[in-house]
Amino acid sequence: MASAEHGEVLAYTPHRLPYKLLQVPFTITNNGHEGAMYSVYFTLEIGEGAAKSSYQQVVTSGGLMPHRTMTTQATIGGVSSLPPGTIHVTIKDVQKRSHSDLTS
């Protein structure tokens, strides 16, 4: 599990879907005092050494009210091999925009 933004954003263990897809579940909790939108930039690495594959993606939330939690996921395609125990999710950046930021 990866965590960012003081625990507001959590990434959980990815799981395999049919058709060479891999899904990364997330929870996003708005601990602020006003509604906000989130963009979470993350990297998924599979394998080690020369066989390592890296994927970069972003997951976004719509308006999330204060003190609420939502679940979402990112789906990554074209994942042909999935060695056991070699999946690593890193949250690179979280951009949180409150409603007051959006109106200015």
Protein backbone atom coordinates (compact mmCIF):
# COMPACT_ATOMS: atom_id res chain seq x y z
CA MET A 1 0.00 0.00 0.00
CA ALA A 2 1.18 3.52 -0.81
CA SER A 3 0.10 6.64 1.06
CA ALA A 4 0.32 10.36 0.31
CA GLU A 5 -1.00 13.74 1.41
CA HIS A 6 -0.96 12.80 5.13
CA GLY A 7 -3.05 9.68 4.50
CA GLU A 8 -5.72 11.39 2.38
CA VAL A 9 -4.74 9.25 -0.62
CA LEU A 10 -4.12 5.50 -0.33
CA ALA A 11 -3.23 3.09 -3.14
CA TYR A 12 -3.88 -0.59 -2.50
CA THR A 13 -2.50 -3.81 -3.94
CA PRO A 14 -3.18 -4.01 -7.68
CA HIS A 15 -5.12 -6.98 -8.99
CA ARG A 16 -5.22 -8.70 -12.34
CA LEU A 17 -8.23 -8.43 -14.64
CA PRO A 18 -8.86 -10.35 -17.88
CA TYR A 19 -7.38 -9.16 -21.20
CA LYS A 20 -3.96 -8.10 -19.84
CA LEU A 21 -5.43 -5.44 -17.54
CA LEU A 22 -4.23 -4.50 -14.08
CA GLN A 23 -6.39 -2.47 -11.71
CA VAL A 24 -5.03 -0.28 -8.90
CA PRO A 25 -7.65 0.59 -6.23
CA PHE A 26 -7.48 3.93 -4.38
CA THR A 27 -9.30 5.69 -1.57
CA ILE A 28 -9.31 9.46 -1.37
CA THR A 29 -10.40 11.19 1.85
CA ASN A 30 -11.00 14.92 2.02
CA ASN A 31 -9.83 15.98 5.48
CA GLY A 32 -10.27 19.66 4.60
CA HIS A 33 -13.04 22.05 5.52
CA GLU A 34 -14.38 22.58 2.00
CA GLY A 35 -15.07 20.48 -1.09
CA ALA A 36 -12.09 19.61 -3.27
CA MET A 37 -11.03 17.85 -6.45
CA TYR A 38 -8.00 15.55 -6.51
CA SER A 39 -5.54 14.48 -9.21
CA VAL A 40 -3.26 11.64 -8.12
CA TYR A 41 -0.19 10.93 -10.24
CA PHE A 42 1.38 7.54 -9.66
CA THR A 43 3.83 5.04 -11.09
CA LEU A 44 3.35 1.27 -11.21
CA GLU A 45 6.45 -0.88 -11.60
CA ILE A 46 6.32 -4.60 -12.38
CA GLY A 47 9.31 -6.92 -12.30
CA GLU A 48 12.96 -6.26 -11.64
CA GLY A 49 16.13 -5.53 -13.60
CA ALA A 50 15.95 -5.73 -17.39
CA ALA A 51 12.46 -7.28 -17.23
CA LYS A 52 11.04 -4.28 -15.34
CA SER A 53 8.04 -2.48 -16.85
CA SER A 54 6.93 0.94 -15.66
CA TYR A 55 3.56 2.62 -16.16
CA GLN A 56 2.61 6.19 -15.26
CA GLN A 57 -0.98 7.25 -14.88
CA VAL A 58 -3.29 9.71 -13.14
CA VAL A 59 -6.53 9.06 -11.28
CA THR A 60 -8.90 11.95 -10.58
CA SER A 61 -11.88 12.59 -8.34
CA GLY A 62 -14.87 14.78 -8.94
CA GLY A 63 -15.86 17.20 -6.19
CA LEU A 64 -15.37 15.47 -2.86
CA MET A 65 -17.15 17.05 0.10
CA PRO A 66 -15.30 17.65 3.40
CA HIS A 67 -14.76 14.65 5.67
CA ARG A 68 -15.89 12.19 2.99
CA THR A 69 -14.08 9.24 1.43
CA MET A 70 -14.45 7.88 -2.07
CA THR A 71 -13.09 4.79 -3.73
CA THR A 72 -11.79 4.78 -7.28
CA GLN A 73 -9.39 2.79 -9.41
CA ALA A 74 -7.00 3.12 -12.30
CA THR A 75 -6.93 0.44 -14.98
CA ILE A 76 -3.70 -0.17 -16.86
CA GLY A 77 -3.75 -2.09 -20.13
CA GLY A 78 -1.17 -4.18 -21.97
CA VAL A 79 0.28 -5.88 -18.90
CA SER A 80 1.38 -9.15 -20.47
CA SER A 81 3.27 -10.75 -17.57
CA LEU A 82 2.79 -10.36 -13.85
CA PRO A 83 5.57 -11.91 -11.76
CA PRO A 84 4.42 -12.58 -8.19
CA GLY A 85 5.58 -10.21 -5.47
CA THR A 86 7.20 -7.67 -7.77
CA ILE A 87 4.53 -4.96 -8.10
CA HIS A 88 5.30 -1.56 -6.63
CA VAL A 89 2.97 1.46 -6.63
CA THR A 90 4.47 4.89 -5.91
CA ILE A 91 2.31 7.98 -5.55
CA LYS A 92 4.39 10.72 -7.22
CA ASP A 93 2.17 13.78 -6.71
CA VAL A 94 -1.25 14.74 -5.36
CA GLN A 95 -2.89 17.92 -6.54
CA LYS A 96 -5.81 19.02 -4.38
CA ARG A 97 -7.90 21.95 -5.55
CA SER A 98 -10.53 23.31 -3.20
CA HIS A 99 -13.68 24.92 -4.58
CA SER A 100 -12.37 28.37 -3.60
CA ASP A 101 -9.20 27.67 -5.65
CA LEU A 102 -11.34 26.81 -8.68
CA THR A 103 -13.38 30.04 -8.59
CA SER A 104 -10.38 32.40 -8.45
